[in-house]
């Protein structure tokens, strides 16, 4: 687990191959917690991501199951799911030309976003950074947090410390978070 994490432009996707695992409709309903978007809205966003990543149109689970045995999705007590894998997980490399040519885009490396500063209307207006030369801040009209599951949860929880953070009282941030379980459960002796 420890060697499966990476910080930097592209993040952990550089190590594990860029799997795109979707939430299903059942993940967003019932007692799963509050989601500010419907499944239909999320589905449309997934399709936009696939198009931006130049992936073929999404195959639904029923069609995929037909290609791989035709079962109903549950084999014994194991549910089979299907996901896309990026042919090139290095998003920095894949979008290098866009990143380097866009006058509206600046990429900062060798720094870590550690917080947000909010205005009187509780809108994020600065991203606070830790850099090798000390603290810094970047002014922003709009902030998108896209740091991967672990770091996005950490970052939004850290931002709750700010007095006028609009999600300060939201107890659901980080709730039911599940990461990969890592432990030593045995040893193998090869003779």
C-alpha atoms as a PDB file:
ATOM      1  CA  UNK A   1       0.000   0.000   0.000  1.00  0.00           C
ATOM      2  CA  UNK A   2       2.761   2.471   0.903  1.00  0.00           C
ATOM      3  CA  UNK A   3       4.583   1.946  -2.393  1.00  0.00           C
ATOM      4  CA  UNK A   4       1.323   2.375  -4.291  1.00  0.00           C
ATOM      5  CA  UNK A   5       1.023   6.104  -3.570  1.00  0.00           C
ATOM      6  CA  UNK A   6       2.590   8.916  -5.556  1.00  0.00           C
ATOM      7  CA  UNK A   7       2.529  12.683  -5.220  1.00  0.00           C
ATOM      8  CA  UNK A   8       3.021  14.951  -8.201  1.00  0.00           C
ATOM      9  CA  UNK A   9       1.444  15.751 -11.533  1.00  0.00           C
ATOM     10  CA  UNK A  10      -0.558  12.656 -12.387  1.00  0.00           C
ATOM     11  CA  UNK A  11      -0.497  11.276  -8.840  1.00  0.00           C
ATOM     12  CA  UNK A  12      -0.972   7.615  -8.065  1.00  0.00           C
ATOM     13  CA  UNK A  13      -2.344   6.997 -11.559  1.00  0.00           C
ATOM     14  CA  UNK A  14       1.276   6.919 -12.698  1.00  0.00           C
ATOM     15  CA  UNK A  15       1.763   3.772 -10.609  1.00  0.00           C
ATOM     16  CA  UNK A  16      -1.419   1.742 -10.875  1.00  0.00           C
ATOM     17  CA  UNK A  17      -2.436   2.159 -14.460  1.00  0.00           C
ATOM     18  CA  UNK A  18      -5.310   4.630 -14.423  1.00  0.00           C
ATOM     19  CA  UNK A  19      -8.364   2.527 -13.602  1.00  0.00           C
ATOM     20  CA  UNK A  20     -11.655   4.393 -13.990  1.00  0.00           C
ATOM     21  CA  UNK A  21     -14.112   2.740 -11.625  1.00  0.00           C
ATOM     22  CA  UNK A  22     -17.557   4.300 -11.707  1.00  0.00           C
ATOM     23  CA  UNK A  23     -20.120   4.693  -8.985  1.00  0.00           C
ATOM     24  CA  UNK A  24     -23.386   2.968  -9.880  1.00  0.00           C
ATOM     25  CA  UNK A  25     -26.904   4.275  -9.282  1.00  0.00           C
ATOM     26  CA  UNK A  26     -27.130   2.157  -6.098  1.00  0.00           C
ATOM     27  CA  UNK A  27     -24.023   3.897  -4.698  1.00  0.00           C
ATOM     28  CA  UNK A  28     -25.776   7.276  -4.699  1.00  0.00           C
ATOM     29  CA  UNK A  29     -29.153   6.314  -3.250  1.00  0.00           C
ATOM     30  CA  UNK A  30     -30.593   5.142   0.035  1.00  0.00           C
ATOM     31  CA  UNK A  31     -28.475   5.229   3.177  1.00  0.00           C
ATOM     32  CA  UNK A  32     -25.177   5.673   1.295  1.00  0.00           C
ATOM     33  CA  UNK A  33     -24.948   9.317   2.320  1.00  0.00           C
ATOM     34  CA  UNK A  34     -25.790  12.622   0.733  1.00  0.00           C
ATOM     35  CA  UNK A  35     -24.791  13.260  -2.874  1.00  0.00           C
ATOM     36  CA  UNK A  36     -25.335  16.726  -4.339  1.00  0.00           C
ATOM     37  CA  UNK A  37     -25.847  15.301  -7.856  1.00  0.00           C
ATOM     38  CA  UNK A  38     -28.173  12.687  -9.288  1.00  0.00           C
ATOM     39  CA  UNK A  39     -26.893   9.524 -10.902  1.00  0.00           C
ATOM     40  CA  UNK A  40     -28.005  10.849 -14.313  1.00  0.00           C
ATOM     41  CA  UNK A  41     -25.876  13.981 -13.788  1.00  0.00           C
ATOM     42  CA  UNK A  42     -22.898  11.871 -12.692  1.00  0.00           C
ATOM     43  CA  UNK A  43     -23.371   9.507 -15.649  1.00  0.00           C
ATOM     44  CA  UNK A  44     -23.205  12.498 -18.039  1.00  0.00           C
ATOM     45  CA  UNK A  45     -19.999  13.681 -16.354  1.00  0.00           C
ATOM     46  CA  UNK A  46     -18.442  10.228 -16.739  1.00  0.00           C
ATOM     47  CA  UNK A  47     -19.229  10.356 -20.448  1.00  0.00           C
ATOM     48  CA  UNK A  48     -17.515  13.758 -20.722  1.00  0.00           C
ATOM     49  CA  UNK A  49     -14.429  12.363 -18.957  1.00  0.00           C
ATOM     50  CA  UNK A  50     -14.293   9.376 -21.313  1.00  0.00           C
ATOM     51  CA  UNK A  51     -14.494  11.687 -24.316  1.00  0.00           C
ATOM     52  CA  UNK A  52     -11.753  13.968 -22.924  1.00  0.00           C
ATOM     53  CA  UNK A  53      -9.528  10.934 -22.295  1.00  0.00           C
ATOM     54  CA  UNK A  54     -10.212   9.673 -25.831  1.00  0.00           C
ATOM     55  CA  UNK A  55     -11.729   6.403 -24.627  1.00  0.00           C
ATOM     56  CA  UNK A  56     -14.279   4.445 -26.657  1.00  0.00           C
ATOM     57  CA  UNK A  57     -17.947   4.873 -25.716  1.00  0.00           C
ATOM     58  CA  UNK A  58     -18.797   3.197 -22.417  1.00  0.00           C
ATOM     59  CA  UNK A  59     -20.115  -0.337 -22.575  1.00  0.00           C
ATOM     60  CA  UNK A  60     -22.842  -0.983 -20.016  1.00  0.00           C
ATOM     61  CA  UNK A  61     -22.467  -3.849 -17.551  1.00  0.00           C
ATOM     62  CA  UNK A  62     -25.094  -6.021 -19.266  1.00  0.00           C
ATOM     63  CA  UNK A  63     -23.237  -5.848 -22.594  1.00  0.00           C
ATOM     64  CA  UNK A  64     -19.896  -6.502 -20.871  1.00  0.00           C
ATOM     65  CA  UNK A  65     -21.337  -9.486 -19.004  1.00  0.00           C
ATOM     66  CA  UNK A  66     -22.581 -10.853 -22.325  1.00  0.00           C
ATOM     67  CA  UNK A  67     -19.049 -10.740 -23.701  1.00  0.00           C
ATOM     68  CA  UNK A  68     -17.552 -12.351 -20.601  1.00  0.00           C
ATOM     69  CA  UNK A  69     -19.773 -15.296 -19.843  1.00  0.00           C
ATOM     70  CA  UNK A  70     -23.284 -13.889 -19.613  1.00  0.00           C
ATOM     71  CA  UNK A  71     -23.702 -14.234 -15.822  1.00  0.00           C
ATOM     72  CA  UNK A  72     -25.951 -11.906 -13.845  1.00  0.00           C
ATOM     73  CA  UNK A  73     -23.043 -10.152 -12.121  1.00  0.00           C
ATOM     74  CA  UNK A  74     -22.795 -12.282  -8.987  1.00  0.00           C
ATOM     75  CA  UNK A  75     -20.700 -15.449  -9.042  1.00  0.00           C
ATOM     76  CA  UNK A  76     -20.936 -17.195  -5.682  1.00  0.00           C
ATOM     77  CA  UNK A  77     -20.550 -14.254  -3.325  1.00  0.00           C
ATOM     78  CA  UNK A  78     -18.410 -12.173  -5.669  1.00  0.00           C
ATOM     79  CA  UNK A  79     -19.882  -9.407  -7.770  1.00  0.00           C
ATOM     80  CA  UNK A  80     -18.180  -8.896 -11.122  1.00  0.00           C
ATOM     81  CA  UNK A  81     -17.750  -5.282 -12.117  1.00  0.00           C
ATOM     82  CA  UNK A  82     -16.260  -3.753 -15.225  1.00  0.00           C
ATOM     83  CA  UNK A  83     -14.137  -0.644 -15.505  1.00  0.00           C
ATOM     84  CA  UNK A  84     -12.011   1.199 -18.002  1.00  0.00           C
ATOM     85  CA  UNK A  85      -8.231   1.266 -17.804  1.00  0.00           C
ATOM     86  CA  UNK A  86      -6.400   4.110 -19.461  1.00  0.00           C
ATOM     87  CA  UNK A  87      -4.000   2.973 -22.177  1.00  0.00           C
ATOM     88  CA  UNK A  88      -1.678   5.760 -20.993  1.00  0.00           C
ATOM     89  CA  UNK A  89      -2.079   6.509 -17.266  1.00  0.00           C
ATOM     90  CA  UNK A  90       0.320   9.452 -17.415  1.00  0.00           C
ATOM     91  CA  UNK A  91      -2.175  12.321 -17.695  1.00  0.00           C
ATOM     92  CA  UNK A  92       0.619  14.910 -17.607  1.00  0.00           C
ATOM     93  CA  UNK A  93       2.147  13.239 -20.659  1.00  0.00           C
ATOM     94  CA  UNK A  94      -1.174  12.675 -22.359  1.00  0.00           C
ATOM     95  CA  UNK A  95      -2.107  16.352 -22.007  1.00  0.00           C
ATOM     96  CA  UNK A  96       1.418  17.794 -22.212  1.00  0.00           C
ATOM     97  CA  UNK A  97       0.652  19.890 -25.296  1.00  0.00           C
ATOM     98  CA  UNK A  98      -2.560  21.309 -23.811  1.00  0.00           C
ATOM     99  CA  UNK A  99      -0.801  22.068 -20.525  1.00  0.00           C
ATOM    100  CA  UNK A 100       2.180  23.763 -22.157  1.00  0.00           C
ATOM    101  CA  UNK A 101       0.219  25.806 -24.745  1.00  0.00           C
ATOM    102  CA  UNK A 102      -2.745  27.039 -22.713  1.00  0.00           C
ATOM    103  CA  UNK A 103      -2.384  30.651 -21.569  1.00  0.00           C
ATOM    104  CA  UNK A 104      -5.203  30.004 -19.076  1.00  0.00           C
ATOM    105  CA  UNK A 105      -3.475  27.086 -17.354  1.00  0.00           C
ATOM    106  CA  UNK A 106      -0.530  27.109 -14.986  1.00  0.00           C
ATOM    107  CA  UNK A 107       0.808  23.965 -13.331  1.00  0.00           C
ATOM    108  CA  UNK A 108       2.726  24.184 -10.075  1.00  0.00           C
ATOM    109  CA  UNK A 109       4.919  21.279  -9.004  1.00  0.00           C
ATOM    110  CA  UNK A 110       7.122  20.705  -5.937  1.00  0.00           C
ATOM    111  CA  UNK A 111       4.492  22.245  -3.673  1.00  0.00           C
ATOM    112  CA  UNK A 112       1.539  20.962  -1.694  1.00  0.00           C
ATOM    113  CA  UNK A 113      -1.888  22.558  -1.351  1.00  0.00           C
ATOM    114  CA  UNK A 114      -2.512  22.763   2.392  1.00  0.00           C
ATOM    115  CA  UNK A 115      -5.558  24.989   2.745  1.00  0.00           C
ATOM    116  CA  UNK A 116      -8.002  27.508   1.398  1.00  0.00           C
ATOM    117  CA  UNK A 117      -8.777  31.093   2.331  1.00  0.00           C
ATOM    118  CA  UNK A 118     -12.415  32.131   2.052  1.00  0.00           C
ATOM    119  CA  UNK A 119     -13.917  35.599   1.541  1.00  0.00           C
ATOM    120  CA  UNK A 120     -16.774  37.056   3.627  1.00  0.00           C
ATOM    121  CA  UNK A 121     -19.287  35.228   1.421  1.00  0.00           C
ATOM    122  CA  UNK A 122     -17.592  31.866   2.170  1.00  0.00           C
ATOM    123  CA  UNK A 123     -16.186  31.534  -1.365  1.00  0.00           C
ATOM    124  CA  UNK A 124     -12.689  30.116  -1.758  1.00  0.00           C
ATOM    125  CA  UNK A 125     -10.433  32.927  -2.977  1.00  0.00           C
ATOM    126  CA  UNK A 126      -6.931  31.587  -2.293  1.00  0.00           C
ATOM    127  CA  UNK A 127      -5.214  28.226  -2.276  1.00  0.00           C
ATOM    128  CA  UNK A 128      -2.516  28.082   0.376  1.00  0.00           C
ATOM    129  CA  UNK A 129       0.616  26.130  -0.516  1.00  0.00           C
ATOM    130  CA  UNK A 130       3.675  24.727   1.202  1.00  0.00           C
ATOM    131  CA  UNK A 131       6.679  25.098  -1.088  1.00  0.00           C
ATOM    132  CA  UNK A 132      10.397  24.340  -0.678  1.00  0.00           C
ATOM    133  CA  UNK A 133      10.981  28.080  -0.160  1.00  0.00           C
ATOM    134  CA  UNK A 134       8.157  28.529   2.360  1.00  0.00           C
ATOM    135  CA  UNK A 135       4.416  29.225   2.465  1.00  0.00           C
ATOM    136  CA  UNK A 136       2.718  30.738  -0.580  1.00  0.00           C
ATOM    137  CA  UNK A 137      -0.817  31.480  -1.782  1.00  0.00           C
ATOM    138  CA  UNK A 138      -2.454  31.604  -5.197  1.00  0.00           C
ATOM    139  CA  UNK A 139      -5.501  33.814  -5.798  1.00  0.00           C
ATOM    140  CA  UNK A 140      -8.405  32.052  -7.469  1.00  0.00           C
ATOM    141  CA  UNK A 141     -11.907  32.855  -8.687  1.00  0.00           C
ATOM    142  CA  UNK A 142     -12.786  29.162  -8.770  1.00  0.00           C
ATOM    143  CA  UNK A 143     -11.174  26.179  -7.050  1.00  0.00           C
ATOM    144  CA  UNK A 144     -11.564  22.562  -8.173  1.00  0.00           C
ATOM    145  CA  UNK A 145     -10.297  19.921  -5.758  1.00  0.00           C
ATOM    146  CA  UNK A 146      -9.094  16.979  -7.853  1.00  0.00           C
ATOM    147  CA  UNK A 147      -6.366  15.438  -5.753  1.00  0.00           C
ATOM    148  CA  UNK A 148      -7.485  11.822  -5.750  1.00  0.00           C
ATOM    149  CA  UNK A 149      -9.594  10.119  -3.112  1.00  0.00           C
ATOM    150  CA  UNK A 150      -7.172  10.204  -0.189  1.00  0.00           C
ATOM    151  CA  UNK A 151      -5.780  13.695  -0.691  1.00  0.00           C
ATOM    152  CA  UNK A 152      -9.130  15.288  -1.607  1.00  0.00           C
ATOM    153  CA  UNK A 153     -10.649  13.972   1.637  1.00  0.00           C
ATOM    154  CA  UNK A 154      -7.608  15.154   3.609  1.00  0.00           C
ATOM    155  CA  UNK A 155      -7.665  18.576   1.975  1.00  0.00           C
ATOM    156  CA  UNK A 156     -11.388  19.211   2.473  1.00  0.00           C
ATOM    157  CA  UNK A 157     -11.155  18.077   6.103  1.00  0.00           C
ATOM    158  CA  UNK A 158      -8.198  20.430   6.673  1.00  0.00           C
ATOM    159  CA  UNK A 159     -10.138  23.313   5.088  1.00  0.00           C
ATOM    160  CA  UNK A 160     -12.901  22.833   7.677  1.00  0.00           C
ATOM    161  CA  UNK A 161     -10.571  24.472  10.226  1.00  0.00           C
ATOM    162  CA  UNK A 162     -11.195  27.848   8.572  1.00  0.00           C
ATOM    163  CA  UNK A 163     -13.908  29.777  10.392  1.00  0.00           C
ATOM    164  CA  UNK A 164     -15.912  30.707   7.296  1.00  0.00           C
ATOM    165  CA  UNK A 165     -15.466  27.420   5.431  1.00  0.00           C
ATOM    166  CA  UNK A 166     -18.924  26.712   3.953  1.00  0.00           C
ATOM    167  CA  UNK A 167     -18.671  22.991   4.760  1.00  0.00           C
ATOM    168  CA  UNK A 168     -17.265  23.507   8.261  1.00  0.00           C
ATOM    169  CA  UNK A 169     -20.245  21.838   9.934  1.00  0.00           C
ATOM    170  CA  UNK A 170     -20.584  19.035   7.384  1.00  0.00           C
ATOM    171  CA  UNK A 171     -19.895  15.824   9.276  1.00  0.00           C
ATOM    172  CA  UNK A 172     -20.174  13.760   6.066  1.00  0.00           C
ATOM    173  CA  UNK A 173     -16.816  14.900   4.667  1.00  0.00           C
ATOM    174  CA  UNK A 174     -14.572  11.847   4.918  1.00  0.00           C
ATOM    175  CA  UNK A 175     -17.433   9.763   6.382  1.00  0.00           C
ATOM    176  CA  UNK A 176     -17.523   6.160   5.208  1.00  0.00           C
ATOM    177  CA  UNK A 177     -14.200   6.676   3.457  1.00  0.00           C
ATOM    178  CA  UNK A 178     -12.630   3.345   2.694  1.00  0.00           C
ATOM    179  CA  UNK A 179      -9.117   2.992   1.429  1.00  0.00           C
ATOM    180  CA  UNK A 180      -7.297  -0.170   0.488  1.00  0.00           C
ATOM    181  CA  UNK A 181      -6.639  -2.255   3.551  1.00  0.00           C
ATOM    182  CA  UNK A 182      -2.964  -2.932   4.115  1.00  0.00           C
ATOM    183  CA  UNK A 183      -1.601  -5.408   6.634  1.00  0.00           C
ATOM    184  CA  UNK A 184       0.766  -8.325   6.925  1.00  0.00           C
ATOM    185  CA  UNK A 185      -1.204 -11.530   7.159  1.00  0.00           C
ATOM    186  CA  UNK A 186       1.411 -14.185   6.658  1.00  0.00           C
ATOM    187  CA  UNK A 187       4.807 -15.125   5.340  1.00  0.00           C
ATOM    188  CA  UNK A 188       5.844 -17.324   2.449  1.00  0.00           C
ATOM    189  CA  UNK A 189       8.969 -19.416   2.609  1.00  0.00           C
ATOM    190  CA  UNK A 190      10.186 -20.542  -0.813  1.00  0.00           C
ATOM    191  CA  UNK A 191      12.492 -23.570  -0.799  1.00  0.00           C
END
